[in-house]
Amino acid sequence: MIAFDRIATEPGWDNDAVSQSSSLKQKLNDFDFMFMLAIFQTIFGLTEPLFQILQSKTLDIRQCDERVTGTLNALKALRSTETFSRLYENTVQTVGIPNERRKRSLEGF
């Protein structure tokens, strides 16, 4: 965030750099954006190894089947209140409490 502030305030940066740094800083402070980023980071962290195996030139069908099953089980395990709460709380610690609209919609979760 310090770098974005410096780009916005120090001379020598063109208008595009200032505008882009301001937009990126705004996104990194947006609760919804950061929460979704945390969700996708968690999901892709589980699916990336499977993707690499399935994209390899040599495939072992048994290994692929085991990895697909393992990945599906891991993804199913993520679908829990505990995982949601952990990602939500981590996002709150990173960017702060979400706006009132988001807080109200979570009450029915």
Protein backbone atom coordinates (compact mmCIF):
# COMPACT_ATOMS: atom_id res chain seq x y z
CA MET A 1 0.00 0.00 0.00
CA ILE A 2 2.92 2.30 0.69
CA ALA A 3 4.08 1.91 -2.89
CA PHE A 4 0.67 2.94 -4.21
CA ASP A 5 0.66 6.02 -1.98
CA ARG A 6 4.12 6.97 -3.20
CA ILE A 7 3.10 6.64 -6.83
CA ALA A 8 0.09 8.87 -6.17
CA THR A 9 2.02 11.57 -4.29
CA GLU A 10 5.58 11.64 -5.61
CA PRO A 11 6.43 13.49 -8.80
CA GLY A 12 7.67 11.69 -11.89
CA TRP A 13 4.80 9.27 -12.41
CA ASP A 14 2.58 9.57 -15.47
CA ASN A 15 -1.20 9.87 -15.18
CA ASP A 16 -1.74 6.22 -16.17
CA ALA A 17 0.53 4.94 -13.39
CA VAL A 18 -1.17 7.19 -10.83
CA SER A 19 -4.65 6.10 -11.97
CA GLN A 20 -3.76 2.40 -12.04
CA SER A 21 -2.11 2.47 -8.62
CA SER A 22 -5.13 4.24 -7.17
CA SER A 23 -7.51 1.67 -8.69
CA LEU A 24 -5.44 -1.27 -7.50
CA LYS A 25 -5.16 0.16 -3.99
CA GLN A 26 -8.93 0.62 -3.92
CA LYS A 27 -9.48 -3.02 -4.95
CA LEU A 28 -7.04 -4.28 -2.32
CA ASN A 29 -9.04 -2.40 0.30
CA ASP A 30 -12.39 -3.74 -0.94
CA PHE A 31 -13.76 -6.47 1.33
CA ASP A 32 -15.72 -8.30 -1.36
CA PHE A 33 -12.77 -8.39 -3.75
CA MET A 34 -10.35 -9.63 -1.09
CA PHE A 35 -12.82 -12.21 0.25
CA MET A 36 -13.35 -13.65 -3.22
CA LEU A 37 -9.59 -13.58 -3.79
CA ALA A 38 -9.11 -15.64 -0.61
CA ILE A 39 -11.74 -18.14 -1.75
CA PHE A 40 -10.20 -18.56 -5.19
CA GLN A 41 -6.69 -18.79 -3.76
CA THR A 42 -7.86 -21.65 -1.54
CA ILE A 43 -9.62 -23.46 -4.38
CA PHE A 44 -6.82 -23.02 -6.90
CA GLY A 45 -4.27 -24.11 -4.32
CA LEU A 46 -6.05 -27.47 -4.27
CA THR A 47 -6.73 -27.77 -8.00
CA GLU A 48 -3.36 -26.60 -9.38
CA PRO A 49 -1.50 -29.86 -8.62
CA LEU A 50 -4.29 -31.82 -10.30
CA PHE A 51 -4.17 -29.49 -13.30
CA GLN A 52 -0.41 -30.04 -13.64
CA ILE A 53 -0.81 -33.82 -13.57
CA LEU A 54 -3.66 -33.80 -16.09
CA GLN A 55 -1.66 -31.54 -18.42
CA SER A 56 1.49 -33.65 -18.32
CA LYS A 57 2.52 -35.53 -21.46
CA THR A 58 2.60 -38.88 -19.71
CA LEU A 59 -0.43 -39.89 -17.72
CA ASP A 60 -0.83 -42.71 -15.25
CA ILE A 61 -4.56 -43.40 -15.16
CA ARG A 62 -4.46 -44.76 -11.61
CA GLN A 63 -2.56 -41.70 -10.36
CA CYS A 64 -4.97 -39.38 -12.18
CA ASP A 65 -7.96 -41.15 -10.68
CA GLU A 66 -6.46 -40.92 -7.19
CA ARG A 67 -5.67 -37.22 -7.63
CA VAL A 68 -9.15 -36.43 -8.97
CA THR A 69 -10.76 -38.25 -6.04
CA GLY A 70 -8.43 -36.59 -3.55
CA THR A 71 -9.05 -33.15 -5.01
CA LEU A 72 -12.83 -33.65 -4.98
CA ASN A 73 -12.72 -34.77 -1.35
CA ALA A 74 -10.57 -31.77 -0.41
CA LEU A 75 -12.96 -29.39 -2.18
CA LYS A 76 -15.96 -30.98 -0.45
CA ALA A 77 -14.21 -30.56 2.89
CA LEU A 78 -13.85 -26.82 2.19
CA ARG A 79 -17.63 -26.44 1.98
CA SER A 80 -18.04 -25.84 5.68
CA THR A 81 -18.96 -23.10 8.07
CA GLU A 82 -15.50 -23.39 9.61
CA THR A 83 -13.74 -22.69 6.30
CA PHE A 84 -16.10 -19.82 5.54
CA SER A 85 -15.53 -18.33 8.99
CA ARG A 86 -11.74 -18.68 8.71
CA LEU A 87 -11.64 -16.97 5.29
CA TYR A 88 -14.07 -14.30 6.45
CA GLU A 89 -12.09 -13.52 9.61
CA ASN A 90 -8.79 -13.46 7.70
CA THR A 91 -10.31 -10.96 5.28
CA VAL A 92 -11.61 -8.82 8.14
CA GLN A 93 -8.10 -8.78 9.62
CA THR A 94 -6.65 -7.78 6.24
CA VAL A 95 -9.06 -5.05 5.12
CA GLY A 96 -11.37 -4.41 8.04
CA ILE A 97 -15.03 -4.97 8.71
CA PRO A 98 -17.22 -5.13 5.58
CA ASN A 99 -19.79 -2.50 4.82
CA GLU A 100 -23.28 -2.75 6.33
CA ARG A 101 -24.83 -4.32 3.22
CA ARG A 102 -22.45 -7.28 3.42
CA LYS A 103 -22.85 -7.69 7.19
CA ARG A 104 -26.64 -7.86 6.86
CA SER A 105 -26.53 -10.49 4.11
CA LEU A 106 -24.24 -12.71 6.20
CA GLU A 107 -26.62 -12.77 9.16
CA GLY A 108 -28.80 -15.30 7.33
CA PHE A 109 -25.85 -17.56 6.47
